Amino acid sequence: MKKIIFLFITSFALSNILIAQDAETRLKEKGIVLTSPGNPLGNYVNAVRVGNLLYLAGKGPQKADNSFITGKVGKDLTTEQGYEAARLTALCHLAVLKNEIGSLNKVKRIVKVLGMVNCTDDFKDQPKVINGYSDLMVEIFGDRGKHARSAVGMASLPSNMAVEVEVIVEVEE
């Protein structure tokens, strides 16, 4: 009887872990519909795969109408608005990932994030802004979304984007 209870509890726990790690289900639960990934703004590609690592090019907070959230955080935008811009950038990267590998469930780990914030010289909360990106990755991928990260301030970014983020992702072979 103890073996049956143990197997039931183990089976239940494992099924909950698998459900919790199902990125595609998480997207649906949150009502997130990914759009087509935007085209690169120059002579480069959205992603390059080397073995089981996918290097995603820098993306910014591109809205459904293809415009960007623009301006300097600390002058034109608040920290909270910068956070939302970083979160939108994460959605753009998820669209690229899905386009490249077919299913977000093939993501083994978000490895490294470089978040760049277009901000004033005296702005000091770059990590709070880039948390918008990091938080969404953890919401979608659970522990697999936790990553190493740098969050830095920039004097300017292309097209005056509020943020730009690049990421390295481990995927299934």
Protein backbone atom coordinates (compact mmCIF):
# COMPACT_ATOMS: atom_id res chain seq x y z
CA MET A 1 0.00 0.00 0.00
CA LYS A 2 2.87 2.40 0.83
CA LYS A 3 4.37 1.77 -2.62
CA ILE A 4 1.08 2.63 -4.31
CA ILE A 5 0.76 5.87 -2.34
CA PHE A 6 4.40 6.74 -3.06
CA LEU A 7 3.92 6.07 -6.79
CA PHE A 8 0.74 8.14 -6.84
CA ILE A 9 2.39 11.08 -5.08
CA THR A 10 5.49 10.84 -7.29
CA SER A 11 3.37 10.61 -10.43
CA PHE A 12 1.24 13.58 -9.35
CA ALA A 13 4.33 15.68 -8.52
CA LEU A 14 6.01 14.87 -11.84
CA SER A 15 2.89 15.68 -13.84
CA ASN A 16 2.64 19.04 -12.06
CA ILE A 17 6.28 19.78 -12.84
CA LEU A 18 5.76 18.93 -16.51
CA ILE A 19 2.64 21.09 -16.71
CA ALA A 20 4.42 23.94 -14.91
CA GLN A 21 7.25 23.74 -17.44
CA ASP A 22 5.00 23.65 -20.51
CA ALA A 23 5.77 27.03 -22.06
CA GLU A 24 3.11 26.74 -24.76
CA THR A 25 0.43 26.11 -22.11
CA ARG A 26 1.72 29.02 -20.05
CA LEU A 27 1.36 31.36 -23.04
CA LYS A 28 -2.23 30.26 -23.56
CA GLU A 29 -3.06 30.61 -19.87
CA LYS A 30 -1.77 34.17 -19.94
CA GLY A 31 -3.69 34.96 -23.12
CA ILE A 32 -0.49 35.73 -25.01
CA VAL A 33 -0.61 35.38 -28.77
CA LEU A 34 2.77 35.77 -30.42
CA THR A 35 2.99 37.77 -33.63
CA SER A 36 5.38 37.10 -36.49
CA PRO A 37 8.92 38.08 -35.58
CA GLY A 38 9.98 41.43 -36.96
CA ASN A 39 12.52 41.63 -39.73
CA PRO A 40 16.05 42.67 -38.85
CA LEU A 41 16.76 46.38 -39.22
CA GLY A 42 20.06 45.71 -41.01
CA ASN A 43 22.24 43.09 -42.66
CA TYR A 44 21.89 40.31 -40.11
CA VAL A 45 19.51 37.49 -39.12
CA ASN A 46 17.19 37.12 -36.12
CA ALA A 47 18.97 34.02 -34.82
CA VAL A 48 22.01 31.85 -35.35
CA ARG A 49 22.14 28.28 -34.07
CA VAL A 50 25.45 26.74 -33.02
CA GLY A 51 24.95 23.21 -31.73
CA ASN A 52 22.26 23.40 -29.10
CA LEU A 53 22.69 27.14 -28.50
CA LEU A 54 20.55 29.73 -30.23
CA TYR A 55 21.95 33.27 -30.30
CA LEU A 56 19.14 35.79 -30.78
CA ALA A 57 19.94 39.19 -32.24
CA GLY A 58 19.09 42.29 -30.29
CA LYS A 59 15.38 43.12 -30.36
CA GLY A 60 13.50 46.11 -29.10
CA PRO A 61 9.98 46.77 -27.86
CA GLN A 62 8.14 46.42 -31.17
CA LYS A 63 4.38 46.89 -30.98
CA ALA A 64 1.75 45.17 -33.15
CA ASP A 65 1.73 48.15 -35.56
CA ASN A 66 5.52 47.65 -36.05
CA SER A 67 6.36 50.88 -34.21
CA PHE A 68 8.67 50.83 -31.19
CA ILE A 69 8.36 52.15 -27.67
CA THR A 70 10.88 54.95 -27.88
CA GLY A 71 12.55 57.50 -25.64
CA LYS A 72 14.99 57.74 -22.78
CA VAL A 73 14.12 56.09 -19.50
CA GLY A 74 14.55 58.70 -16.78
CA LYS A 75 13.44 61.52 -19.10
CA ASP A 76 10.71 60.44 -21.55
CA LEU A 77 9.74 57.21 -19.81
CA THR A 78 9.41 56.09 -16.19
CA THR A 79 11.12 53.01 -14.81
CA GLU A 80 7.74 51.24 -14.95
CA GLN A 81 7.28 52.15 -18.62
CA GLY A 82 10.80 50.88 -19.29
CA TYR A 83 9.86 47.63 -17.52
CA GLU A 84 6.86 47.23 -19.85
CA ALA A 85 9.09 47.96 -22.87
CA ALA A 86 11.49 45.21 -21.74
CA ARG A 87 8.54 42.83 -21.26
CA LEU A 88 7.35 43.59 -24.81
CA THR A 89 10.88 42.90 -26.04
CA ALA A 90 10.70 39.47 -24.36
CA LEU A 91 7.53 38.76 -26.34
CA CYS A 92 9.37 39.69 -29.54
CA HIS A 93 12.12 37.21 -28.65
CA LEU A 94 9.59 34.50 -27.86
CA ALA A 95 8.17 34.99 -31.37
CA VAL A 96 11.66 34.58 -32.85
CA LEU A 97 12.26 31.46 -30.74
CA LYS A 98 8.98 29.86 -31.76
CA ASN A 99 9.70 30.66 -35.41
CA GLU A 100 13.16 29.12 -35.18
CA ILE A 101 12.42 25.92 -33.24
CA GLY A 102 8.69 25.36 -33.77
CA SER A 103 7.67 25.01 -30.12
CA LEU A 104 8.76 26.89 -27.03
CA ASN A 105 8.69 23.57 -25.21
CA LYS A 106 12.00 22.80 -26.94
CA VAL A 107 13.71 25.50 -24.86
CA LYS A 108 15.97 23.83 -22.31
CA ARG A 109 17.24 27.03 -20.69
CA ILE A 110 17.44 30.77 -21.11
CA VAL A 111 21.20 31.05 -20.63
CA LYS A 112 22.34 34.68 -20.88
CA VAL A 113 20.55 38.00 -21.33
CA LEU A 114 22.16 41.33 -22.21
CA GLY A 115 19.69 44.14 -21.57
CA MET A 116 20.49 47.64 -22.79
CA VAL A 117 18.47 50.61 -21.57
CA ASN A 118 18.32 53.91 -23.47
CA CYS A 119 18.55 56.20 -20.45
CA THR A 120 19.76 59.47 -19.05
CA ASP A 121 23.28 59.74 -17.65
CA ASP A 122 22.03 59.83 -14.07
CA PHE A 123 19.57 56.90 -14.37
CA LYS A 124 20.63 54.05 -12.07
CA ASP A 125 17.76 51.51 -12.24
CA GLN A 126 18.66 49.57 -15.39
CA PRO A 127 18.19 46.23 -13.55
CA LYS A 128 14.62 47.21 -12.59
CA VAL A 129 13.85 47.97 -16.25
CA ILE A 130 15.33 44.72 -17.60
CA ASN A 131 13.41 42.79 -14.93
CA GLY A 132 10.47 43.21 -17.31
CA TYR A 133 12.28 40.85 -19.70
CA SER A 134 13.56 38.47 -17.03
CA ASP A 135 10.25 38.24 -15.20
CA LEU A 136 8.40 37.20 -18.35
CA MET A 137 10.99 34.53 -19.17
CA VAL A 138 10.54 33.02 -15.71
CA GLU A 139 6.73 33.27 -15.98
CA ILE A 140 6.80 31.32 -19.26
CA PHE A 141 9.63 28.85 -18.66
CA GLY A 142 9.71 28.50 -14.87
CA ASP A 143 13.17 27.61 -13.57
CA ARG A 144 14.35 27.10 -17.16
CA GLY A 145 13.79 30.85 -17.64
CA LYS A 146 16.23 31.88 -14.91
CA HIS A 147 19.38 33.19 -16.51
CA ALA A 148 22.64 35.03 -16.13
CA ARG A 149 22.19 38.68 -17.05
CA SER A 150 23.75 42.08 -17.61
CA ALA A 151 21.67 45.26 -17.52
CA VAL A 152 23.46 48.37 -18.77
CA GLY A 153 22.66 51.95 -19.64
CA MET A 154 23.24 53.35 -23.12
CA ALA A 155 23.48 56.90 -24.43
CA SER A 156 21.27 55.88 -27.37
CA LEU A 157 19.83 52.85 -29.12
CA PRO A 158 18.78 52.25 -32.76
CA SER A 159 15.56 54.02 -33.73
CA ASN A 160 15.57 55.62 -30.27
CA MET A 161 14.20 52.35 -28.81
CA ALA A 162 13.72 52.43 -25.05
CA VAL A 163 15.46 49.06 -24.60
CA GLU A 164 17.26 46.46 -26.65
CA VAL A 165 17.92 42.91 -25.47
CA GLU A 166 19.92 40.02 -26.86
CA VAL A 167 19.77 36.51 -25.49
CA ILE A 168 21.44 33.10 -25.70
CA VAL A 169 19.08 30.11 -25.40
CA GLU A 170 19.84 26.40 -24.98
CA VAL A 171 17.46 24.31 -27.08
CA GLU A 172 16.88 20.63 -27.65
CA GLU A 173 19.16 19.10 -30.27
